[in-house]
Amino acid sequence: MEYINAAFARMNLYQISNFFLYGVDGNADNAIPYSDALRKGCDPIYRRLDIMYPDITERDKAAADLSLAFAVYENVYMQLGMKAGARLIQQLLLDDDRHCAENTNDKP
């Protein structure tokens, strides 16, 4: 049963999400805290908005429009992710049920 514990020890959300999103293995050692990832991802667009909209009111409106667009994307992809997760769970449960039924039918 040690191999099961080893498999669970290797499970990593960062690697799984990279695999599903990009089709490549992720490297858990490269995982950074969420707050750092958000800052690193947001800084370039806010610098661009600062250049494009020197007027703070216009910059705030542009940032609000951008935030709304991202919120919609986040909502849609969150729902798609939840559906994908539910389908995976369904497959796991159905396969487990099928496996149990096959093993039960094999016994005299």
Protein backbone atom coordinates (compact mmCIF):
# COMPACT_ATOMS: atom_id res chain seq x y z
CA MET A 1 0.00 0.00 0.00
CA GLU A 2 3.02 2.29 0.17
CA TYR A 3 2.71 2.97 -3.58
CA ILE A 4 -0.71 4.53 -2.93
CA ASN A 5 0.75 6.91 -0.35
CA ALA A 6 3.53 7.76 -2.79
CA ALA A 7 0.98 8.52 -5.52
CA PHE A 8 -0.96 10.85 -3.20
CA ALA A 9 2.28 12.55 -2.14
CA ARG A 10 3.01 13.36 -5.79
CA MET A 11 -0.44 14.91 -6.38
CA ASN A 12 -0.19 18.63 -6.85
CA LEU A 13 -2.93 21.08 -7.88
CA TYR A 14 -0.45 23.30 -9.73
CA GLN A 15 0.76 20.40 -11.87
CA ILE A 16 -2.77 19.14 -12.57
CA SER A 17 -4.03 22.58 -13.61
CA ASN A 18 -1.02 23.12 -15.88
CA PHE A 19 -1.60 19.76 -17.49
CA PHE A 20 -5.27 20.45 -18.17
CA LEU A 21 -4.74 24.05 -19.28
CA TYR A 22 -1.58 23.68 -21.33
CA GLY A 23 -1.08 19.96 -21.89
CA VAL A 24 2.31 19.96 -20.20
CA ASP A 25 3.63 18.80 -16.91
CA GLY A 26 3.84 21.56 -14.33
CA ASN A 27 6.73 21.96 -11.95
CA ALA A 28 5.54 22.32 -8.36
CA ASP A 29 8.87 23.91 -7.44
CA ASN A 30 7.95 26.85 -9.69
CA ALA A 31 4.60 27.42 -7.96
CA ILE A 32 4.39 30.91 -6.48
CA PRO A 33 1.93 32.25 -3.91
CA TYR A 34 -1.38 33.42 -5.37
CA SER A 35 -0.82 37.02 -4.24
CA ASP A 36 2.54 37.14 -6.03
CA ALA A 37 1.06 35.54 -9.16
CA LEU A 38 -1.76 38.12 -9.21
CA ARG A 39 0.63 41.03 -8.76
CA LYS A 40 3.00 39.70 -11.42
CA GLY A 41 0.10 39.20 -13.83
CA CYS A 42 -1.60 42.56 -13.14
CA ASP A 43 1.34 44.96 -12.98
CA PRO A 44 1.95 45.11 -16.76
CA ILE A 45 -1.65 46.01 -17.63
CA TYR A 46 -1.88 48.64 -14.89
CA ARG A 47 1.37 50.21 -16.11
CA ARG A 48 -0.10 50.25 -19.63
CA LEU A 49 -3.34 51.83 -18.36
CA ASP A 50 -1.29 54.48 -16.54
CA ILE A 51 0.39 55.39 -19.84
CA MET A 52 -2.76 55.23 -21.96
CA TYR A 53 -4.98 57.12 -19.50
CA PRO A 54 -3.11 59.88 -17.66
CA ASP A 55 -6.47 61.15 -16.37
CA ILE A 56 -7.25 59.12 -13.26
CA THR A 57 -11.02 59.09 -13.91
CA GLU A 58 -10.57 57.65 -17.40
CA ARG A 59 -7.97 55.18 -16.10
CA ASP A 60 -10.40 53.99 -13.41
CA LYS A 61 -13.17 53.55 -16.02
CA ALA A 62 -10.84 51.54 -18.27
CA ALA A 63 -9.72 49.42 -15.31
CA ALA A 64 -13.37 48.83 -14.35
CA ASP A 65 -14.22 47.75 -17.92
CA LEU A 66 -11.23 45.41 -17.96
CA SER A 67 -12.16 44.00 -14.56
CA LEU A 68 -15.72 43.35 -15.70
CA ALA A 69 -14.47 41.48 -18.77
CA PHE A 70 -12.13 39.37 -16.63
CA ALA A 71 -14.90 38.66 -14.13
CA VAL A 72 -17.08 37.30 -16.93
CA TYR A 73 -14.22 35.12 -18.20
CA GLU A 74 -13.54 33.93 -14.66
CA ASN A 75 -17.19 33.04 -14.12
CA VAL A 76 -17.50 31.14 -17.41
CA TYR A 77 -14.25 29.22 -16.97
CA MET A 78 -15.03 28.46 -13.33
CA GLN A 79 -18.33 26.90 -14.41
CA LEU A 80 -16.59 24.96 -17.18
CA GLY A 81 -13.97 23.78 -14.68
CA MET A 82 -16.64 22.65 -12.24
CA LYS A 83 -18.42 20.74 -15.01
CA ALA A 84 -15.14 19.13 -16.06
CA GLY A 85 -14.47 18.14 -12.45
CA ALA A 86 -17.97 16.72 -12.09
CA ARG A 87 -17.51 14.67 -15.27
CA LEU A 88 -14.21 13.31 -13.97
CA ILE A 89 -15.84 12.34 -10.69
CA GLN A 90 -18.71 10.72 -12.57
CA GLN A 91 -16.27 8.70 -14.66
CA LEU A 92 -14.34 7.66 -11.57
CA LEU A 93 -17.50 6.56 -9.79
CA LEU A 94 -18.93 4.76 -12.82
CA ASP A 95 -15.66 2.97 -13.48
CA ASP A 96 -15.44 2.02 -9.81
CA ASP A 97 -19.04 0.73 -9.84
CA ARG A 98 -18.40 -1.19 -13.06
CA HIS A 99 -15.18 -2.66 -11.63
CA CYS A 100 -16.97 -3.74 -8.43
CA ALA A 101 -19.81 -5.30 -10.45
CA GLU A 102 -17.37 -7.21 -12.64
CA ASN A 103 -15.51 -8.55 -9.62
CA THR A 104 -18.79 -9.55 -7.92
CA ASN A 105 -20.01 -11.40 -11.04
CA ASP A 106 -16.73 -13.33 -11.33
CA LYS A 107 -17.17 -15.01 -7.95
CA PRO A 108 -18.94 -18.39 -7.73
